[in-house]
N, C-alpha and C. Protein backbone atom coordinates (compact mmCIF):
# COMPACT_ATOMS: atom_id res chain seq x y z
N MET A 1 6.50 -17.00 15.39
CA MET A 1 7.27 -16.70 14.43
C MET A 1 6.94 -15.42 13.63
N MET A 2 8.14 -14.58 13.25
CA MET A 2 7.60 -13.34 12.49
C MET A 2 7.43 -13.46 11.04
N LYS A 3 6.27 -12.60 10.55
CA LYS A 3 5.92 -12.70 9.18
C LYS A 3 6.99 -12.27 8.42
N GLN A 4 7.18 -12.90 7.39
CA GLN A 4 8.13 -12.53 6.34
C GLN A 4 7.28 -11.77 5.20
N TYR A 5 8.04 -10.66 4.95
CA TYR A 5 7.41 -9.76 3.92
C TYR A 5 8.14 -9.57 2.55
N GLY A 6 7.76 -9.14 1.49
CA GLY A 6 8.39 -9.12 0.38
C GLY A 6 9.31 -7.91 0.33
N ILE A 7 9.84 -7.64 -0.81
CA ILE A 7 11.01 -6.41 -0.90
C ILE A 7 10.36 -5.00 -0.63
N LEU A 8 9.19 -4.79 -1.25
CA LEU A 8 8.57 -3.42 -1.12
C LEU A 8 7.84 -3.22 0.32
N MET A 9 7.36 -4.25 0.87
CA MET A 9 7.04 -4.03 2.41
C MET A 9 7.95 -3.83 3.22
N SER A 10 9.16 -4.55 3.00
CA SER A 10 10.30 -4.52 3.95
C SER A 10 10.92 -3.29 3.71
N PHE A 11 10.92 -2.60 2.42
CA PHE A 11 11.30 -1.16 2.44
C PHE A 11 10.52 -0.22 3.37
N PHE A 12 9.10 -0.44 3.21
CA PHE A 12 8.28 0.33 3.72
C PHE A 12 8.60 0.22 5.41
N ARG A 13 8.61 -1.01 5.75
CA ARG A 13 8.84 -1.19 7.25
C ARG A 13 10.32 -0.53 7.82
N HIS A 14 11.28 -0.62 6.92
CA HIS A 14 12.40 -0.08 7.31
C HIS A 14 12.45 1.32 7.39
N HIS A 15 11.63 1.98 6.73
CA HIS A 15 11.22 3.65 7.00
C HIS A 15 10.18 3.89 8.19
N ARG A 16 9.58 2.85 8.93
CA ARG A 16 8.51 3.10 9.85
C ARG A 16 8.87 4.03 10.72
N GLU A 17 10.01 4.05 11.38
CA GLU A 17 10.52 4.89 12.45
C GLU A 17 10.55 6.15 12.19
N ARG A 18 10.46 6.73 10.89
CA ARG A 18 10.28 8.08 10.46
C ARG A 18 8.95 8.72 10.90
N PHE A 19 8.11 7.94 11.21
CA PHE A 19 6.54 8.36 11.40
C PHE A 19 6.06 8.30 12.82
N SER A 20 5.69 9.12 13.32
CA SER A 20 5.27 9.17 14.82
C SER A 20 4.02 8.44 14.92
N THR A 21 3.14 8.34 14.03
CA THR A 21 1.96 7.50 14.20
C THR A 21 1.59 6.48 13.13
N GLU A 22 0.85 5.61 13.43
CA GLU A 22 0.55 4.61 12.22
C GLU A 22 -0.15 5.14 11.24
N GLU A 23 -0.94 6.18 11.66
CA GLU A 23 -1.74 6.96 10.42
C GLU A 23 -0.88 7.39 9.52
N GLU A 24 0.29 8.41 9.91
CA GLU A 24 1.24 8.96 9.24
C GLU A 24 1.92 7.93 8.34
N PHE A 25 2.19 6.73 8.78
CA PHE A 25 2.88 5.55 8.15
C PHE A 25 2.25 5.15 7.12
N ARG A 26 0.99 4.75 7.32
CA ARG A 26 -0.02 4.47 6.30
C ARG A 26 -0.28 5.35 5.05
N ARG A 27 -0.27 6.70 5.43
CA ARG A 27 -0.39 7.55 4.61
C ARG A 27 0.99 7.71 3.68
N PHE A 28 2.26 7.35 4.24
CA PHE A 28 3.25 7.09 3.45
C PHE A 28 3.34 6.08 2.44
N ILE A 29 2.62 4.86 2.94
CA ILE A 29 2.59 3.78 2.16
C ILE A 29 1.77 4.03 1.16
N LYS A 30 0.36 4.58 1.10
CA LYS A 30 -0.56 4.95 0.13
C LYS A 30 0.13 6.11 -0.93
N GLU A 31 0.68 6.92 -0.42
CA GLU A 31 1.29 8.09 -1.42
C GLU A 31 2.59 7.16 -2.13
N SER A 32 3.20 6.30 -1.51
CA SER A 32 4.27 5.90 -2.20
C SER A 32 3.63 4.57 -3.45
N LEU A 33 2.72 4.11 -2.79
CA LEU A 33 2.08 3.05 -3.95
C LEU A 33 1.37 4.07 -5.22
N GLY A 34 1.11 5.08 -4.71
CA GLY A 34 0.25 5.96 -5.98
C GLY A 34 1.55 6.38 -6.90
N ALA A 35 2.44 6.74 -6.34
CA ALA A 35 3.60 7.21 -7.29
C ALA A 35 4.19 5.96 -7.87
N LEU A 36 4.16 4.90 -7.20
CA LEU A 36 4.81 3.78 -8.00
C LEU A 36 3.85 3.44 -9.18
N SER A 37 2.58 3.25 -8.97
CA SER A 37 1.55 2.96 -10.03
C SER A 37 1.79 4.09 -11.25
N ARG A 38 2.00 4.98 -11.14
CA ARG A 38 2.32 6.14 -11.94
C ARG A 38 3.70 5.94 -12.81
N ASP A 39 4.80 5.65 -11.95
CA ASP A 39 6.01 5.51 -12.40
C ASP A 39 6.42 4.11 -13.36
N VAL A 40 5.60 3.08 -12.79
CA VAL A 40 5.88 2.00 -13.78
C VAL A 40 5.14 1.82 -14.94
N ARG A 41 4.19 2.79 -15.36
CA ARG A 41 3.57 2.91 -16.46
C ARG A 41 4.60 3.19 -17.62
N ASP A 42 5.65 3.80 -17.36
CA ASP A 42 6.79 4.03 -18.21
C ASP A 42 7.55 2.89 -18.66
N PHE A 43 7.15 1.74 -17.88
CA PHE A 43 7.68 0.37 -18.05
C PHE A 43 6.58 -0.46 -18.57
N GLY A 44 5.37 0.01 -19.05
CA GLY A 44 4.28 -0.74 -19.75
C GLY A 44 3.72 -1.75 -18.45
N VAL A 45 3.83 -1.39 -17.44
CA VAL A 45 2.96 -1.78 -16.04
C VAL A 45 1.85 -1.07 -15.66
N GLU A 46 0.67 -1.72 -15.60
CA GLU A 46 -0.44 -0.95 -15.08
C GLU A 46 -0.86 -1.63 -13.74
N ILE A 47 -0.85 -0.70 -12.96
CA ILE A 47 -1.37 -0.96 -11.37
C ILE A 47 -2.53 -0.17 -11.03
N SER A 48 -3.74 -0.93 -10.74
CA SER A 48 -4.89 -0.21 -10.29
C SER A 48 -4.96 -0.19 -8.76
N VAL A 49 -5.29 0.72 -7.98
CA VAL A 49 -5.37 1.03 -6.62
C VAL A 49 -6.84 1.36 -6.54
N ARG A 50 -7.69 0.75 -5.53
CA ARG A 50 -8.92 1.38 -5.47
C ARG A 50 -9.29 1.08 -4.17
N PRO A 51 -10.48 1.71 -3.51
CA PRO A 51 -10.65 1.58 -2.13
C PRO A 51 -11.49 0.17 -2.17
N ASP A 52 -11.46 -0.50 -1.01
CA ASP A 52 -11.90 -1.96 -0.94
C ASP A 52 -13.20 -1.86 -0.61
N VAL A 53 -14.03 -1.27 -1.38
CA VAL A 53 -15.49 -1.39 -1.20
C VAL A 53 -16.34 -2.25 -1.75
N LEU A 54 -16.11 -2.98 -2.80
CA LEU A 54 -16.68 -4.14 -3.43
C LEU A 54 -16.44 -5.43 -2.56
N ASN A 55 -15.40 -5.60 -1.86
CA ASN A 55 -14.97 -6.91 -1.40
C ASN A 55 -14.71 -6.23 0.34
N PRO A 56 -15.57 -5.73 0.78
CA PRO A 56 -15.16 -5.33 2.40
C PRO A 56 -14.79 -6.35 3.49
N ARG A 57 -13.80 -6.18 4.05
CA ARG A 57 -13.44 -7.11 5.13
C ARG A 57 -14.37 -6.97 6.32
N ARG A 58 -14.46 -7.88 7.05
CA ARG A 58 -15.41 -7.56 8.36
C ARG A 58 -14.75 -6.60 9.22
N SER A 59 -13.54 -6.54 9.43
CA SER A 59 -12.63 -5.61 10.21
C SER A 59 -12.51 -4.28 9.59
N SER A 60 -13.12 -4.03 8.16
CA SER A 60 -12.91 -2.62 7.51
C SER A 60 -14.03 -1.82 7.91
N ARG A 61 -13.48 -0.79 8.56
CA ARG A 61 -14.69 0.27 8.99
C ARG A 61 -14.35 1.64 8.31
N ASP A 62 -13.44 1.62 7.43
CA ASP A 62 -13.10 2.87 6.65
C ASP A 62 -12.45 2.60 5.33
N TRP A 63 -12.02 3.70 4.68
CA TRP A 63 -11.48 3.47 3.27
C TRP A 63 -9.87 3.36 3.43
N ASN A 64 -9.52 2.85 4.57
CA ASN A 64 -8.04 2.57 4.59
C ASN A 64 -7.55 1.31 3.84
N HIS A 65 -8.45 0.32 3.47
CA HIS A 65 -8.05 -0.95 2.88
C HIS A 65 -8.14 -0.84 1.54
N LEU A 66 -7.03 -1.03 1.08
CA LEU A 66 -6.87 -0.86 -0.65
C LEU A 66 -6.56 -2.16 -1.08
N ILE A 67 -6.84 -2.43 -2.58
CA ILE A 67 -6.55 -3.35 -3.19
C ILE A 67 -5.72 -3.19 -4.41
N LEU A 68 -4.83 -3.84 -4.68
CA LEU A 68 -3.92 -3.77 -5.78
C LEU A 68 -3.99 -4.78 -6.82
N GLY A 69 -4.63 -4.39 -7.99
CA GLY A 69 -4.70 -5.33 -8.99
C GLY A 69 -3.73 -5.11 -10.08
N CYS A 70 -2.88 -6.24 -10.58
CA CYS A 70 -2.00 -5.93 -11.57
C CYS A 70 -2.20 -7.04 -12.77
N GLU A 71 -1.97 -6.49 -13.91
CA GLU A 71 -2.24 -7.63 -15.01
C GLU A 71 -0.98 -7.85 -15.77
């Protein structure tokens, strides 16, 4: 069974073919999320993006894993 994604991730996946490597695609996602977190402040929404260093996953070997926190 194929995984179901939310609207935002579906949008990102729609643009996946624009990138020749997984690294470029992940960079696109990170930069887009950074821009989103700045843009939504105009609507009174605060999004925090931080490296997953406080709760590292066993498979996490680098700083590519991010946690989004919303209030």
